[in-house]
């Protein structure tokens, strides 16, 4: 009978340890971790874009060496992606201060 108690105690201890690493075993009142994107900075609404050449066109816009501010909410996903992926353009987020 002593073997049964030891076995049950070992099983209980193993179950307790397993619960410590099992994310489902966390208490229900623990809030989920916040998305890193939303906690580090608010969503970008404007970008500053300038060309590395005197004049360059991409996504229906002409860019020069002078920064051009664009509202990303007015761009299609394809336009934004084309601008961000273009190696001849310099793109940066613009905050409220800019």
PDB file of N, CA and C in Angstrom:
ATOM      1  N   UNK A   1       0.806  -1.186   0.000  1.00  0.00           N
ATOM      2  CA  UNK A   1       0.000   0.000   0.000  1.00  0.00           C
ATOM      3  C   UNK A   1       0.858   1.262   0.000  1.00  0.00           C
ATOM      4  N   UNK A   2       2.013   1.211   0.646  1.00  0.00           N
ATOM      5  CA  UNK A   2       2.917   2.355   0.684  1.00  0.00           C
ATOM      6  C   UNK A   2       3.383   2.703  -0.722  1.00  0.00           C
ATOM      7  N   UNK A   3       3.568   1.679  -1.543  1.00  0.00           N
ATOM      8  CA  UNK A   3       3.994   1.924  -2.910  1.00  0.00           C
ATOM      9  C   UNK A   3       2.934   2.708  -3.664  1.00  0.00           C
ATOM     10  N   UNK A   4       1.675   2.445  -3.372  1.00  0.00           N
ATOM     11  CA  UNK A   4       0.591   3.154  -4.045  1.00  0.00           C
ATOM     12  C   UNK A   4       0.592   4.630  -3.671  1.00  0.00           C
ATOM     13  N   UNK A   5       0.811   4.947  -2.381  1.00  0.00           N
ATOM     14  CA  UNK A   5       0.850   6.345  -1.948  1.00  0.00           C
ATOM     15  C   UNK A   5       2.029   7.079  -2.581  1.00  0.00           C
ATOM     16  N   UNK A   6       3.203   6.427  -2.621  1.00  0.00           N
ATOM     17  CA  UNK A   6       4.371   7.037  -3.223  1.00  0.00           C
ATOM     18  C   UNK A   6       4.114   7.271  -4.708  1.00  0.00           C
ATOM     19  N   UNK A   7       3.508   6.303  -5.358  1.00  0.00           N
ATOM     20  CA  UNK A   7       3.211   6.424  -6.770  1.00  0.00           C
ATOM     21  C   UNK A   7       2.232   7.562  -7.014  1.00  0.00           C
ATOM     22  N   UNK A   8       1.199   7.670  -6.173  1.00  0.00           N
ATOM     23  CA  UNK A   8       0.219   8.745  -6.319  1.00  0.00           C
ATOM     24  C   UNK A   8       0.881  10.092  -6.052  1.00  0.00           C
ATOM     25  N   UNK A   9       1.762  10.175  -5.034  1.00  0.00           N
ATOM     26  CA  UNK A   9       2.461  11.421  -4.733  1.00  0.00           C
ATOM     27  C   UNK A   9       3.352  11.828  -5.896  1.00  0.00           C
ATOM     28  N   UNK A  10       4.047  10.871  -6.490  1.00  0.00           N
ATOM     29  CA  UNK A  10       4.894  11.171  -7.644  1.00  0.00           C
ATOM     30  C   UNK A  10       4.053  11.659  -8.812  1.00  0.00           C
ATOM     31  N   UNK A  11       2.908  11.038  -9.013  1.00  0.00           N
ATOM     32  CA  UNK A  11       2.013  11.426 -10.102  1.00  0.00           C
ATOM     33  C   UNK A  11       1.485  12.832  -9.872  1.00  0.00           C
ATOM     34  N   UNK A  12       1.086  13.143  -8.623  1.00  0.00           N
ATOM     35  CA  UNK A  12       0.580  14.474  -8.308  1.00  0.00           C
ATOM     36  C   UNK A  12       1.652  15.532  -8.529  1.00  0.00           C
ATOM     37  N   UNK A  13       2.893  15.237  -8.123  1.00  0.00           N
ATOM     38  CA  UNK A  13       3.992  16.184  -8.286  1.00  0.00           C
ATOM     39  C   UNK A  13       4.277  16.412  -9.777  1.00  0.00           C
ATOM     40  N   UNK A  14       4.263  15.346 -10.559  1.00  0.00           N
ATOM     41  CA  UNK A  14       4.501  15.457 -11.999  1.00  0.00           C
ATOM     42  C   UNK A  14       3.392  16.274 -12.657  1.00  0.00           C
ATOM     43  N   UNK A  15       2.167  16.058 -12.224  1.00  0.00           N
ATOM     44  CA  UNK A  15       1.037  16.803 -12.780  1.00  0.00           C
ATOM     45  C   UNK A  15       1.165  18.287 -12.430  1.00  0.00           C
ATOM     46  N   UNK A  16       1.596  18.592 -11.219  1.00  0.00           N
ATOM     47  CA  UNK A  16       1.770  19.983 -10.806  1.00  0.00           C
ATOM     48  C   UNK A  16       2.864  20.656 -11.633  1.00  0.00           C
ATOM     49  N   UNK A  17       3.961  19.948 -11.875  1.00  0.00           N
ATOM     50  CA  UNK A  17       5.044  20.497 -12.689  1.00  0.00           C
ATOM     51  C   UNK A  17       4.604  20.692 -14.131  1.00  0.00           C
ATOM     52  N   UNK A  18       3.833  19.763 -14.650  1.00  0.00           N
ATOM     53  CA  UNK A  18       3.356  19.875 -16.026  1.00  0.00           C
ATOM     54  C   UNK A  18       2.441  21.084 -16.168  1.00  0.00           C
ATOM     55  N   UNK A  19       1.633  21.339 -15.145  1.00  0.00           N
ATOM     56  CA  UNK A  19       0.729  22.482 -15.194  1.00  0.00           C
ATOM     57  C   UNK A  19       1.475  23.796 -15.199  1.00  0.00           C
ATOM     58  N   UNK A  20       2.670  23.826 -14.643  1.00  0.00           N
ATOM     59  CA  UNK A  20       3.441  25.063 -14.592  1.00  0.00           C
ATOM     60  C   UNK A  20       3.919  25.475 -15.979  1.00  0.00           C
ATOM     61  N   UNK A  21       4.131  24.518 -16.864  1.00  0.00           N
ATOM     62  CA  UNK A  21       4.588  24.856 -18.209  1.00  0.00           C
ATOM     63  C   UNK A  21       3.457  24.837 -19.227  1.00  0.00           C
ATOM     64  N   UNK A  22       2.318  24.298 -18.873  1.00  0.00           N
ATOM     65  CA  UNK A  22       1.190  24.223 -19.786  1.00  0.00           C
ATOM     66  C   UNK A  22       0.447  25.557 -19.790  1.00  0.00           C
ATOM     67  N   UNK A  23       0.400  26.274 -20.924  1.00  0.00           N
ATOM     68  CA  UNK A  23      -0.263  27.578 -20.943  1.00  0.00           C
ATOM     69  C   UNK A  23      -1.754  27.479 -20.647  1.00  0.00           C
ATOM     70  N   UNK A  24      -2.363  26.338 -20.910  1.00  0.00           N
ATOM     71  CA  UNK A  24      -3.790  26.171 -20.632  1.00  0.00           C
ATOM     72  C   UNK A  24      -4.060  26.064 -19.139  1.00  0.00           C
ATOM     73  N   UNK A  25      -3.032  25.753 -18.346  1.00  0.00           N
ATOM     74  CA  UNK A  25      -3.202  25.586 -16.918  1.00  0.00           C
ATOM     75  C   UNK A  25      -3.165  26.914 -16.168  1.00  0.00           C
ATOM     76  N   UNK A  26      -2.936  28.035 -16.856  1.00  0.00           N
ATOM     77  CA  UNK A  26      -2.892  29.331 -16.201  1.00  0.00           C
ATOM     78  C   UNK A  26      -4.291  29.729 -15.749  1.00  0.00           C
ATOM     79  N   UNK A  27      -4.388  30.517 -14.684  1.00  0.00           N
ATOM     80  CA  UNK A  27      -5.693  30.965 -14.213  1.00  0.00           C
ATOM     81  C   UNK A  27      -6.421  31.755 -15.298  1.00  0.00           C
ATOM     82  N   UNK A  28      -7.726  31.645 -15.306  1.00  0.00           N
ATOM     83  CA  UNK A  28      -8.535  32.288 -16.336  1.00  0.00           C
ATOM     84  C   UNK A  28      -8.516  33.812 -16.220  1.00  0.00           C
ATOM     85  N   UNK A  29      -8.259  34.362 -15.032  1.00  0.00           N
ATOM     86  CA  UNK A  29      -8.287  35.811 -14.892  1.00  0.00           C
ATOM     87  C   UNK A  29      -6.990  36.490 -15.325  1.00  0.00           C
ATOM     88  N   UNK A  30      -6.017  35.733 -15.786  1.00  0.00           N
ATOM     89  CA  UNK A  30      -4.771  36.312 -16.280  1.00  0.00           C
ATOM     90  C   UNK A  30      -5.016  36.837 -17.690  1.00  0.00           C
ATOM     91  N   UNK A  31      -4.789  38.148 -17.928  1.00  0.00           N
ATOM     92  CA  UNK A  31      -5.020  38.679 -19.279  1.00  0.00           C
ATOM     93  C   UNK A  31      -3.993  38.133 -20.249  1.00  0.00           C
ATOM     94  N   UNK A  32      -4.372  37.933 -21.503  1.00  0.00           N
ATOM     95  CA  UNK A  32      -3.404  37.445 -22.496  1.00  0.00           C
ATOM     96  C   UNK A  32      -2.337  38.494 -22.741  1.00  0.00           C
ATOM     97  N   UNK A  33      -1.184  38.040 -23.166  1.00  0.00           N
ATOM     98  CA  UNK A  33      -0.083  38.962 -23.461  1.00  0.00           C
ATOM     99  C   UNK A  33      -0.496  39.872 -24.600  1.00  0.00           C
ATOM    100  N   UNK A  34      -0.155  41.131 -24.499  1.00  0.00           N
ATOM    101  CA  UNK A  34      -0.498  42.105 -25.534  1.00  0.00           C
ATOM    102  C   UNK A  34       0.386  41.892 -26.746  1.00  0.00           C
ATOM    103  N   UNK A  35      -0.141  42.194 -27.897  1.00  0.00           N
ATOM    104  CA  UNK A  35       0.605  42.101 -29.142  1.00  0.00           C
ATOM    105  C   UNK A  35       1.730  43.134 -29.108  1.00  0.00           C
ATOM    106  N   UNK A  36       2.948  42.725 -29.423  1.00  0.00           N
ATOM    107  CA  UNK A  36       4.107  43.621 -29.353  1.00  0.00           C
ATOM    108  C   UNK A  36       3.931  44.829 -30.264  1.00  0.00           C
ATOM    109  N   UNK A  37       3.274  44.636 -31.374  1.00  0.00           N
ATOM    110  CA  UNK A  37       3.097  45.733 -32.315  1.00  0.00           C
ATOM    111  C   UNK A  37       2.251  46.851 -31.710  1.00  0.00           C
ATOM    112  N   UNK A  38       1.216  46.493 -30.963  1.00  0.00           N
ATOM    113  CA  UNK A  38       0.347  47.516 -30.398  1.00  0.00           C
ATOM    114  C   UNK A  38       0.930  48.140 -29.145  1.00  0.00           C
ATOM    115  N   UNK A  39       1.828  47.454 -28.453  1.00  0.00           N
ATOM    116  CA  UNK A  39       2.363  48.016 -27.221  1.00  0.00           C
ATOM    117  C   UNK A  39       3.592  48.885 -27.467  1.00  0.00           C
ATOM    118  N   UNK A  40       4.294  48.668 -28.552  1.00  0.00           N
ATOM    119  CA  UNK A  40       5.523  49.433 -28.775  1.00  0.00           C
ATOM    120  C   UNK A  40       5.252  50.803 -29.379  1.00  0.00           C
ATOM    121  N   UNK A  41       4.293  50.902 -30.270  1.00  0.00           N
ATOM    122  CA  UNK A  41       3.997  52.182 -30.899  1.00  0.00           C
ATOM    123  C   UNK A  41       2.599  52.145 -31.491  1.00  0.00           C
ATOM    124  N   UNK A  42       1.946  53.284 -31.544  1.00  0.00           N
ATOM    125  CA  UNK A  42       0.636  53.308 -32.190  1.00  0.00           C
ATOM    126  C   UNK A  42       0.783  53.020 -33.679  1.00  0.00           C
ATOM    127  N   UNK A  43      -0.279  52.594 -34.286  1.00  0.00           N
ATOM    128  CA  UNK A  43      -0.249  52.249 -35.707  1.00  0.00           C
ATOM    129  C   UNK A  43       0.157  53.467 -36.530  1.00  0.00           C
ATOM    130  N   UNK A  44       1.064  53.265 -37.468  1.00  0.00           N
ATOM    131  CA  UNK A  44       1.550  54.345 -38.322  1.00  0.00           C
ATOM    132  C   UNK A  44       0.433  54.789 -39.249  1.00  0.00           C
ATOM    133  N   UNK A  45       0.201  56.089 -39.293  1.00  0.00           N
ATOM    134  CA  UNK A  45      -0.826  56.632 -40.173  1.00  0.00           C
ATOM    135  C   UNK A  45      -0.225  57.445 -41.302  1.00  0.00           C
ATOM    136  N   UNK A  46       1.030  57.884 -41.105  1.00  0.00           N
ATOM    137  CA  UNK A  46       1.695  58.671 -42.137  1.00  0.00           C
ATOM    138  C   UNK A  46       3.128  58.178 -42.289  1.00  0.00           C
ATOM    139  N   UNK A  47       3.614  58.281 -43.513  1.00  0.00           N
ATOM    140  CA  UNK A  47       5.006  57.939 -43.780  1.00  0.00           C
ATOM    141  C   UNK A  47       5.637  59.075 -44.575  1.00  0.00           C
ATOM    142  N   UNK A  48       6.934  59.250 -44.393  1.00  0.00           N
ATOM    143  CA  UNK A  48       7.721  60.203 -45.176  1.00  0.00           C
ATOM    144  C   UNK A  48       8.534  59.382 -46.166  1.00  0.00           C
ATOM    145  N   UNK A  49       8.454  59.751 -47.415  1.00  0.00           N
ATOM    146  CA  UNK A  49       9.139  59.001 -48.470  1.00  0.00           C
ATOM    147  C   UNK A  49       9.985  59.963 -49.284  1.00  0.00           C
ATOM    148  N   UNK A  50      11.227  59.564 -49.555  1.00  0.00           N
ATOM    149  CA  UNK A  50      12.064  60.344 -50.462  1.00  0.00           C
ATOM    150  C   UNK A  50      12.862  59.395 -51.338  1.00  0.00           C
ATOM    151  N   UNK A  51      13.246  59.891 -52.486  1.00  0.00           N
ATOM    152  CA  UNK A  51      13.973  59.109 -53.469  1.00  0.00           C
ATOM    153  C   UNK A  51      15.470  59.252 -53.261  1.00  0.00           C
ATOM    154  N   UNK A  52      16.196  58.205 -53.602  1.00  0.00           N
ATOM    155  CA  UNK A  52      17.654  58.267 -53.551  1.00  0.00           C
ATOM    156  C   UNK A  52      18.212  58.844 -54.852  1.00  0.00           C
ATOM    157  N   UNK A  53      17.333  59.011 -55.847  1.00  0.00           N
ATOM    158  CA  UNK A  53      17.703  59.619 -57.122  1.00  0.00           C
ATOM    159  C   UNK A  53      16.949  60.943 -57.253  1.00  0.00           C
ATOM    160  N   UNK A  54      17.330  61.805 -58.209  1.00  0.00           N
ATOM    161  CA  UNK A  54      16.638  63.092 -58.324  1.00  0.00           C
ATOM    162  C   UNK A  54      15.117  62.977 -58.516  1.00  0.00           C
ATOM    163  N   UNK A  55      14.680  61.963 -59.250  1.00  0.00           N
ATOM    164  CA  UNK A  55      13.256  61.780 -59.488  1.00  0.00           C
ATOM    165  C   UNK A  55      12.974  60.286 -59.683  1.00  0.00           C
ATOM    166  N   UNK A  56      11.902  59.818 -59.072  1.00  0.00           N
ATOM    167  CA  UNK A  56      11.573  58.394 -59.165  1.00  0.00           C
ATOM    168  C   UNK A  56      10.080  58.218 -58.969  1.00  0.00           C
ATOM    169  N   UNK A  57       9.467  57.355 -59.794  1.00  0.00           N
ATOM    170  CA  UNK A  57       8.032  57.096 -59.697  1.00  0.00           C
ATOM    171  C   UNK A  57       7.791  55.668 -59.202  1.00  0.00           C
ATOM    172  N   UNK A  58       6.818  55.562 -58.301  1.00  0.00           N
ATOM    173  CA  UNK A  58       6.422  54.241 -57.801  1.00  0.00           C
ATOM    174  C   UNK A  58       4.999  54.375 -57.260  1.00  0.00           C
ATOM    175  N   UNK A  59       4.168  53.407 -57.557  1.00  0.00           N
ATOM    176  CA  UNK A  59       2.804  53.292 -57.043  1.00  0.00           C
ATOM    177  C   UNK A  59       1.940  54.515 -57.366  1.00  0.00           C
ATOM    178  N   UNK A  60       2.209  55.125 -58.525  1.00  0.00           N
ATOM    179  CA  UNK A  60       1.411  56.272 -58.948  1.00  0.00           C
ATOM    180  C   UNK A  60       1.840  57.598 -58.350  1.00  0.00           C
ATOM    181  N   UNK A  61       2.966  57.627 -57.680  1.00  0.00           N
ATOM    182  CA  UNK A  61       3.484  58.851 -57.063  1.00  0.00           C
ATOM    183  C   UNK A  61       4.869  59.149 -57.610  1.00  0.00           C
ATOM    184  N   UNK A  62       5.186  60.438 -57.690  1.00  0.00           N
ATOM    185  CA  UNK A  62       6.538  60.844 -58.059  1.00  0.00           C
ATOM    186  C   UNK A  62       7.246  61.309 -56.793  1.00  0.00           C
ATOM    187  N   UNK A  63       8.447  60.787 -56.593  1.00  0.00           N
ATOM    188  CA  UNK A  63       9.232  61.127 -55.416  1.00  0.00           C
ATOM    189  C   UNK A  63      10.518  61.806 -55.855  1.00  0.00           C
ATOM    190  N   UNK A  64      11.013  62.695 -55.007  1.00  0.00           N
ATOM    191  CA  UNK A  64      12.283  63.376 -55.253  1.00  0.00           C
ATOM    192  C   UNK A  64      13.143  63.211 -54.004  1.00  0.00           C
ATOM    193  N   UNK A  65      14.228  63.965 -53.958  1.00  0.00           N
ATOM    194  CA  UNK A  65      15.091  63.888 -52.781  1.00  0.00           C
ATOM    195  C   UNK A  65      14.510  64.647 -51.584  1.00  0.00           C
ATOM    196  N   UNK A  66      13.425  65.349 -51.813  1.00  0.00           N
ATOM    197  CA  UNK A  66      12.705  66.022 -50.738  1.00  0.00           C
ATOM    198  C   UNK A  66      11.619  65.073 -50.232  1.00  0.00           C
ATOM    199  N   UNK A  67      11.508  64.949 -48.913  1.00  0.00           N
ATOM    200  CA  UNK A  67      10.514  64.035 -48.351  1.00  0.00           C
ATOM    201  C   UNK A  67       9.096  64.434 -48.755  1.00  0.00           C
ATOM    202  N   UNK A  68       8.314  63.417 -49.031  1.00  0.00           N
ATOM    203  CA  UNK A  68       6.901  63.594 -49.332  1.00  0.00           C
ATOM    204  C   UNK A  68       6.126  62.817 -48.276  1.00  0.00           C
ATOM    205  N   UNK A  69       5.183  63.470 -47.597  1.00  0.00           N
ATOM    206  CA  UNK A  69       4.392  62.831 -46.550  1.00  0.00           C
ATOM    207  C   UNK A  69       3.150  62.209 -47.188  1.00  0.00           C
ATOM    208  N   UNK A  70       2.939  60.927 -46.909  1.00  0.00           N
ATOM    209  CA  UNK A  70       1.764  60.212 -47.415  1.00  0.00           C
ATOM    210  C   UNK A  70       0.946  59.671 -46.257  1.00  0.00           C
ATOM    211  N   UNK A  71      -0.376  59.765 -46.387  1.00  0.00           N
ATOM    212  CA  UNK A  71      -1.296  59.175 -45.420  1.00  0.00           C
ATOM    213  C   UNK A  71      -1.524  57.727 -45.854  1.00  0.00           C
ATOM    214  N   UNK A  72      -1.056  56.769 -45.052  1.00  0.00           N
ATOM    215  CA  UNK A  72      -1.138  55.361 -45.455  1.00  0.00           C
ATOM    216  C   UNK A  72      -2.575  54.873 -45.511  1.00  0.00           C
ATOM    217  N   UNK A  73      -3.494  55.554 -44.840  1.00  0.00           N
ATOM    218  CA  UNK A  73      -4.904  55.152 -44.880  1.00  0.00           C
ATOM    219  C   UNK A  73      -5.513  55.414 -46.246  1.00  0.00           C
ATOM    220  N   UNK A  74      -4.881  56.281 -47.046  1.00  0.00           N
ATOM    221  CA  UNK A  74      -5.381  56.594 -48.384  1.00  0.00           C
ATOM    222  C   UNK A  74      -4.710  55.765 -49.469  1.00  0.00           C
ATOM    223  N   UNK A  75      -3.767  54.922 -49.084  1.00  0.00           N
ATOM    224  CA  UNK A  75      -3.065  54.061 -50.039  1.00  0.00           C
ATOM    225  C   UNK A  75      -3.686  52.673 -50.040  1.00  0.00           C
ATOM    226  N   UNK A  76      -3.628  52.019 -51.186  1.00  0.00           N
ATOM    227  CA  UNK A  76      -4.036  50.616 -51.220  1.00  0.00           C
ATOM    228  C   UNK A  76      -2.910  49.782 -50.605  1.00  0.00           C
ATOM    229  N   UNK A  77      -3.214  48.557 -50.240  1.00  0.00           N
ATOM    230  CA  UNK A  77      -2.186  47.672 -49.702  1.00  0.00           C
ATOM    231  C   UNK A  77      -1.066  47.462 -50.713  1.00  0.00           C
ATOM    232  N   UNK A  78      -1.429  47.378 -52.003  1.00  0.00           N
ATOM    233  CA  UNK A  78      -0.441  47.168 -53.052  1.00  0.00           C
ATOM    234  C   UNK A  78       0.480  48.384 -53.193  1.00  0.00           C
ATOM    235  N   UNK A  79      -0.089  49.592 -53.120  1.00  0.00           N
ATOM    236  CA  UNK A  79       0.729  50.797 -53.211  1.00  0.00           C
ATOM    237  C   UNK A  79       1.708  50.886 -52.039  1.00  0.00           C
ATOM    238  N   UNK A  80       1.203  50.663 -50.831  1.00  0.00           N
ATOM    239  CA  UNK A  80       2.054  50.733 -49.642  1.00  0.00           C
ATOM    240  C   UNK A  80       3.173  49.707 -49.717  1.00  0.00           C
ATOM    241  N   UNK A  81       2.846  48.494 -50.128  1.00  0.00           N
ATOM    242  CA  UNK A  81       3.856  47.441 -50.229  1.00  0.00           C
ATOM    243  C   UNK A  81       4.905  47.794 -51.277  1.00  0.00           C
ATOM    244  N   UNK A  82       4.470  48.322 -52.421  1.00  0.00           N
ATOM    245  CA  UNK A  82       5.413  48.694 -53.484  1.00  0.00           C
ATOM    246  C   UNK A  82       6.363  49.794 -53.023  1.00  0.00           C
ATOM    247  N   UNK A  83       5.837  50.761 -52.290  1.00  0.00           N
ATOM    248  CA  UNK A  83       6.677  51.858 -51.795  1.00  0.00           C
ATOM    249  C   UNK A  83       7.668  51.343 -50.756  1.00  0.00           C
ATOM    250  N   UNK A  84       7.191  50.534 -49.819  1.00  0.00           N
ATOM    251  CA  UNK A  84       8.062  50.025 -48.759  1.00  0.00           C
ATOM    252  C   UNK A  84       9.122  49.063 -49.279  1.00  0.00           C
ATOM    253  N   UNK A  85       8.800  48.312 -50.321  1.00  0.00           N
ATOM    254  CA  UNK A  85       9.740  47.320 -50.850  1.00  0.00           C
ATOM    255  C   UNK A  85      10.740  47.899 -51.852  1.00  0.00           C
ATOM    256  N   UNK A  86      10.534  49.130 -52.288  1.00  0.00           N
ATOM    257  CA  UNK A  86      11.399  49.728 -53.310  1.00  0.00           C
ATOM    258  C   UNK A  86      12.736  50.156 -52.696  1.00  0.00           C
ATOM    259  N   UNK A  87      13.848  49.558 -53.152  1.00  0.00           N
ATOM    260  CA  UNK A  87      15.159  49.896 -52.573  1.00  0.00           C
ATOM    261  C   UNK A  87      15.634  51.309 -52.908  1.00  0.00           C
ATOM    262  N   UNK A  88      15.071  51.948 -53.936  1.00  0.00           N
ATOM    263  CA  UNK A  88      15.493  53.308 -54.294  1.00  0.00           C
ATOM    264  C   UNK A  88      14.718  54.387 -53.543  1.00  0.00           C
ATOM    265  N   UNK A  89      13.824  53.954 -52.622  1.00  0.00           N
ATOM    266  CA  UNK A  89      13.083  54.907 -51.802  1.00  0.00           C
ATOM    267  C   UNK A  89      13.469  54.738 -50.336  1.00  0.00           C
ATOM    268  N   UNK A  90      13.510  55.851 -49.618  1.00  0.00           N
ATOM    269  CA  UNK A  90      13.747  55.842 -48.184  1.00  0.00           C
ATOM    270  C   UNK A  90      12.400  56.143 -47.528  1.00  0.00           C
ATOM    271  N   UNK A  91      11.930  55.222 -46.688  1.00  0.00           N
ATOM    272  CA  UNK A  91      10.613  55.353 -46.055  1.00  0.00           C
ATOM    273  C   UNK A  91      10.795  55.342 -44.543  1.00  0.00           C
ATOM    274  N   UNK A  92      10.135  56.287 -43.870  1.00  0.00           N
ATOM    275  CA  UNK A  92      10.155  56.301 -42.413  1.00  0.00           C
ATOM    276  C   UNK A  92       8.764  56.667 -41.898  1.00  0.00           C
ATOM    277  N   UNK A  93       8.435  56.195 -40.707  1.00  0.00           N
ATOM    278  CA  UNK A  93       7.177  56.554 -40.061  1.00  0.00           C
ATOM    279  C   UNK A  93       7.238  57.994 -39.610  1.00  0.00           C
ATOM    280  N   UNK A  94       6.097  58.658 -39.684  1.00  0.00           N
ATOM    281  CA  UNK A  94       6.010  60.051 -39.260  1.00  0.00           C
ATOM    282  C   UNK A  94       5.098  60.095 -38.046  1.00  0.00           C
ATOM    283  N   UNK A  95       5.604  60.683 -36.965  1.00  0.00           N
ATOM    284  CA  UNK A  95       4.811  60.818 -35.752  1.00  0.00           C
ATOM    285  C   UNK A  95       4.017  62.114 -35.748  1.00  0.00           C
ATOM    286  N   UNK A  96       3.355  62.383 -34.648  1.00  0.00           N
ATOM    287  CA  UNK A  96       2.555  63.595 -34.501  1.00  0.00           C
ATOM    288  C   UNK A  96       3.408  64.857 -34.554  1.00  0.00           C
ATOM    289  N   UNK A  97       4.672  64.757 -34.138  1.00  0.00           N
ATOM    290  CA  UNK A  97       5.554  65.924 -34.080  1.00  0.00           C
ATOM    291  C   UNK A  97       6.034  66.374 -35.441  1.00  0.00           C
ATOM    292  N   UNK A  98       6.086  65.472 -36.412  1.00  0.00           N
ATOM    293  CA  UNK A  98       6.657  65.775 -37.740  1.00  0.00           C
ATOM    294  C   UNK A  98       5.686  66.520 -38.627  1.00  0.00           C
TER     295      UNK A  98
END
